[in-house]
Protein backbone atom coordinates (compact mmCIF):
# COMPACT_ATOMS: atom_id res chain seq x y z
CA MET A 1 -44.20 -10.43 -6.79
CA ARG A 2 -41.82 -10.32 -9.96
CA LYS A 3 -41.30 -6.54 -9.36
CA LEU A 4 -40.25 -7.24 -5.81
CA LEU A 5 -37.89 -10.04 -6.70
CA LEU A 6 -36.52 -7.98 -9.94
CA LEU A 7 -36.01 -4.68 -7.37
CA GLY A 8 -34.28 -7.75 -4.90
CA VAL A 9 -31.55 -8.96 -7.23
CA LEU A 10 -31.07 -5.18 -8.40
CA LEU A 11 -30.21 -4.18 -5.26
CA SER A 12 -28.25 -7.34 -4.22
CA SER A 13 -26.42 -6.62 -7.74
CA LEU A 14 -25.07 -3.33 -6.42
CA CYS A 15 -23.39 -4.95 -3.64
CA ILE A 16 -21.76 -7.66 -5.03
CA PRO A 17 -18.42 -5.74 -6.75
CA CYS A 18 -17.16 -5.06 -3.14
CA GLU A 19 -18.29 -7.83 -1.16
CA ALA A 20 -15.94 -10.06 -3.73
CA GLN A 21 -12.04 -9.82 -2.94
CA GLN A 22 -10.82 -6.75 -4.96
CA LYS A 23 -7.83 -7.34 -6.95
CA MET A 24 -5.02 -4.67 -6.27
CA ARG A 25 -4.40 -4.15 -10.04
CA ASP A 26 -8.00 -2.74 -9.96
CA VAL A 27 -7.64 -1.02 -6.51
CA PHE A 28 -4.01 0.48 -7.90
CA LEU A 29 -5.61 1.80 -11.21
CA GLN A 30 -8.42 3.64 -9.62
CA MET A 31 -5.80 5.29 -7.08
CA PRO A 32 -6.33 9.06 -7.77
CA ASP A 33 -3.51 11.33 -9.74
CA SER A 34 -3.50 13.89 -6.83
CA LEU A 35 -3.02 10.95 -3.85
CA PHE A 36 -0.05 10.42 -5.66
CA PRO A 37 1.36 12.93 -8.40
CA TYR A 38 4.84 11.28 -9.48
CA LEU A 39 2.58 8.80 -11.25
CA THR A 40 -0.17 9.52 -13.83
CA GLN A 41 -2.91 7.08 -14.79
CA ASN A 42 -1.67 6.27 -17.82
CA ASN A 43 1.86 5.20 -16.01
CA ARG A 44 0.15 3.05 -13.76
CA LEU A 45 -2.00 1.85 -16.91
CA ASP A 46 1.50 1.42 -18.25
CA PHE A 47 2.60 -0.64 -15.29
CA ILE A 48 0.50 -3.00 -15.56
CA ASP A 49 1.04 -3.43 -19.70
CA PHE A 50 4.22 -3.70 -19.04
CA ILE A 51 4.14 -6.74 -15.88
CA ASP A 52 1.12 -8.72 -17.84
CA SER A 53 3.71 -8.59 -21.10
CA GLY A 54 6.53 -10.03 -18.81
CA MET A 55 8.25 -6.52 -19.43
CA LYS A 56 10.55 -4.42 -17.01
CA ALA A 57 7.40 -2.34 -15.85
CA VAL A 58 9.45 1.25 -16.19
CA VAL A 59 8.10 4.53 -16.88
CA SER A 60 9.07 8.32 -16.82
CA ASN A 61 7.10 9.84 -13.85
CA GLU A 62 5.72 13.62 -13.89
CA PHE A 63 8.92 14.79 -12.43
CA SER A 64 11.30 13.86 -15.01
CA GLY A 65 12.97 10.66 -13.35
CA LYS A 66 12.33 6.92 -13.74
CA SER A 67 9.58 4.83 -11.71
CA GLU A 68 9.60 1.00 -11.49
CA MET A 69 6.67 -1.50 -10.43
CA LEU A 70 8.55 -4.02 -8.97
CA SER A 71 6.38 -6.33 -8.46
CA LEU A 72 2.41 -6.77 -8.60
CA THR A 73 0.26 -9.68 -7.33
CA ASP A 74 -3.45 -10.20 -6.61
CA GLU A 75 -3.13 -8.41 -2.67
CA GLU A 76 -0.23 -6.17 -3.28
CA VAL A 77 2.05 -3.99 -5.40
CA THR A 78 5.76 -2.70 -4.87
CA LEU A 79 7.11 0.78 -6.67
CA GLN A 80 10.28 2.12 -6.59
CA VAL A 81 9.09 5.57 -7.64
CA SER A 82 12.24 7.48 -7.24
CA SER A 83 16.04 6.77 -5.84
CA ALA A 84 14.79 7.81 -2.11
CA LEU A 85 10.63 6.71 -2.63
CA LYS A 86 9.96 3.04 -1.96
CA VAL A 87 5.91 2.56 -2.25
CA LYS A 88 4.72 -0.88 -1.05
CA MET A 89 0.69 -1.07 -0.81
CA ARG A 90 -1.35 -4.19 0.23
CA LEU A 91 -5.15 -5.25 0.83
CA MET A 92 -5.76 -6.06 4.17
CA PRO A 93 -8.83 -8.02 5.44
CA VAL A 94 -10.77 -6.21 7.95
CA ASN A 95 -13.99 -7.57 9.79
CA GLU A 96 -16.20 -4.29 9.58
CA ALA A 97 -17.22 -3.18 6.28
CA VAL A 98 -15.57 0.09 4.66
CA ASP A 99 -17.00 1.22 1.65
CA SER A 100 -19.20 -2.01 1.76
CA CYS A 101 -15.84 -3.96 1.35
CA ARG A 102 -13.98 -6.22 4.06
CA GLN A 103 -10.37 -4.94 2.76
CA VAL A 104 -8.36 -1.56 2.88
CA ILE A 105 -5.41 -0.30 1.30
CA CYS A 106 -2.57 0.02 3.94
CA MET A 107 0.30 2.21 2.08
CA VAL A 108 3.65 1.97 3.42
CA MET A 109 5.96 4.75 1.84
CA THR A 110 9.77 4.51 2.78
CA TYR A 111 11.41 7.88 2.25
CA GLY A 112 15.80 8.25 1.84
CA GLU A 113 18.25 6.05 0.91
CA ALA A 114 21.18 6.46 3.78
CA ASN A 115 18.76 7.00 6.76
CA PRO A 116 15.39 5.85 5.68
CA GLU A 117 12.14 6.10 7.61
CA SER A 118 8.89 5.01 6.69
CA LYS A 119 5.20 6.26 6.55
CA ILE A 120 1.90 4.49 6.89
CA GLU A 121 -0.96 5.40 5.80
CA VAL A 122 -4.65 3.21 5.19
CA TYR A 123 -7.40 4.15 2.61
CA SER A 124 -10.51 2.04 1.81
CA VAL A 125 -10.68 0.85 -1.34
CA SER A 126 -12.22 3.48 -2.92
CA TRP A 127 -9.03 5.57 -2.12
CA LYS A 128 -10.49 7.83 1.00
CA PRO A 129 -8.19 8.39 3.94
CA LEU A 130 -8.57 6.34 7.33
CA ASP A 131 -7.22 6.45 10.66
CA THR A 132 -4.37 4.48 10.63
CA SER A 133 -4.54 4.27 14.41
CA LYS A 134 -8.18 1.90 13.92
CA TYR A 135 -6.12 -0.51 12.46
CA LEU A 136 -2.48 -0.34 13.50
CA SER A 137 -0.49 0.74 17.00
CA LEU A 138 2.19 2.34 15.96
CA PRO A 139 5.19 3.99 17.77
CA HIS A 140 6.12 7.72 17.89
CA GLU A 141 9.67 7.22 16.97
CA PRO A 142 10.81 6.99 13.40
CA TYR A 143 10.76 3.21 11.59
CA VAL A 144 11.58 1.95 8.63
CA ALA A 145 8.48 -0.17 7.99
CA ASP A 146 7.64 -3.68 5.62
CA PHE A 147 4.88 -6.11 5.65
CA MET A 148 4.79 -9.32 6.94
CA GLU A 149 5.22 -12.73 4.94
CA THR A 150 1.21 -13.45 5.60
CA PRO A 151 -0.71 -11.26 4.29
CA SER A 152 -3.00 -10.35 7.35
CA GLU A 153 -0.69 -10.36 10.01
CA GLY A 154 0.77 -6.64 10.06
CA LEU A 155 3.98 -5.27 9.84
CA CYS A 156 7.68 -5.10 11.08
CA LEU A 157 8.94 -2.44 12.03
CA ARG A 158 12.61 -1.41 12.11
CA GLN A 159 13.62 1.49 14.29
CA MET A 160 16.84 3.12 15.01
CA ASN A 161 16.65 6.61 16.99
CA THR A 162 18.91 9.24 16.49
CA LEU A 163 22.08 8.01 18.31
CA ASP A 164 21.69 4.32 16.60
CA ALA A 165 22.02 6.76 13.42
CA ILE A 166 24.87 8.26 14.29
CA ALA A 167 26.55 5.25 15.79
CA TYR A 168 26.12 3.57 12.30
CA GLU A 169 27.02 6.28 10.33
CA GLU A 170 30.93 6.15 12.62
CA GLN A 171 31.15 2.16 13.31
CA LYS A 172 29.37 1.26 10.16
CA VAL A 173 27.42 -1.17 12.48
CA GLU A 174 23.90 -0.78 12.38
CA THR A 175 22.01 -1.55 15.93
CA PRO A 176 18.00 -1.45 15.19
CA TRP A 177 15.57 -3.54 16.86
CA LEU A 178 12.43 -5.48 15.29
CA LYS A 179 9.14 -5.05 16.63
CA ASN A 180 6.00 -6.72 14.74
CA ILE A 181 2.90 -4.72 14.66
CA GLU A 182 -0.29 -6.85 14.36
CA TRP A 183 -3.00 -5.91 12.20
CA LYS A 184 -6.44 -4.77 13.88
CA GLN A 185 -9.19 -6.71 11.75
């Protein structure tokens, strides 16, 4: 009987790490270098050390430029990887466990300065790519995305078609429209 009880405790302890809410700092540190070649594991460790010390979190990236961690919370991290690439990652809740966790990583990469455009990807907390359409209904047109204030609500998209971008350049008047995309748990 004791052996069965001990076996039960051991097996249940294998599931505990993901049943608890993950913290973005831990997930960020586990990100594979191959997924984000700009930043090495040492760069990511330095970011967190700088933030924890209350310092400006700036590192030299792998492309001889500077990258900065703008913010880090338990749920979200924001990076200015280069002048033309900003990355936000947020832990989002899911109803069905993915890799035995009830959270996934939603990554928003925004490219460009004058006419930015975003790309959204979703990963398990162990950094396995997931089907983004399972969690978000994204438009086919170009958009710029950001997370909504409430972590589990979703994203806010700002779209501009090519004519709007041309009008913006000529008239210096932006004519985008906003669209909230709800997170499908």
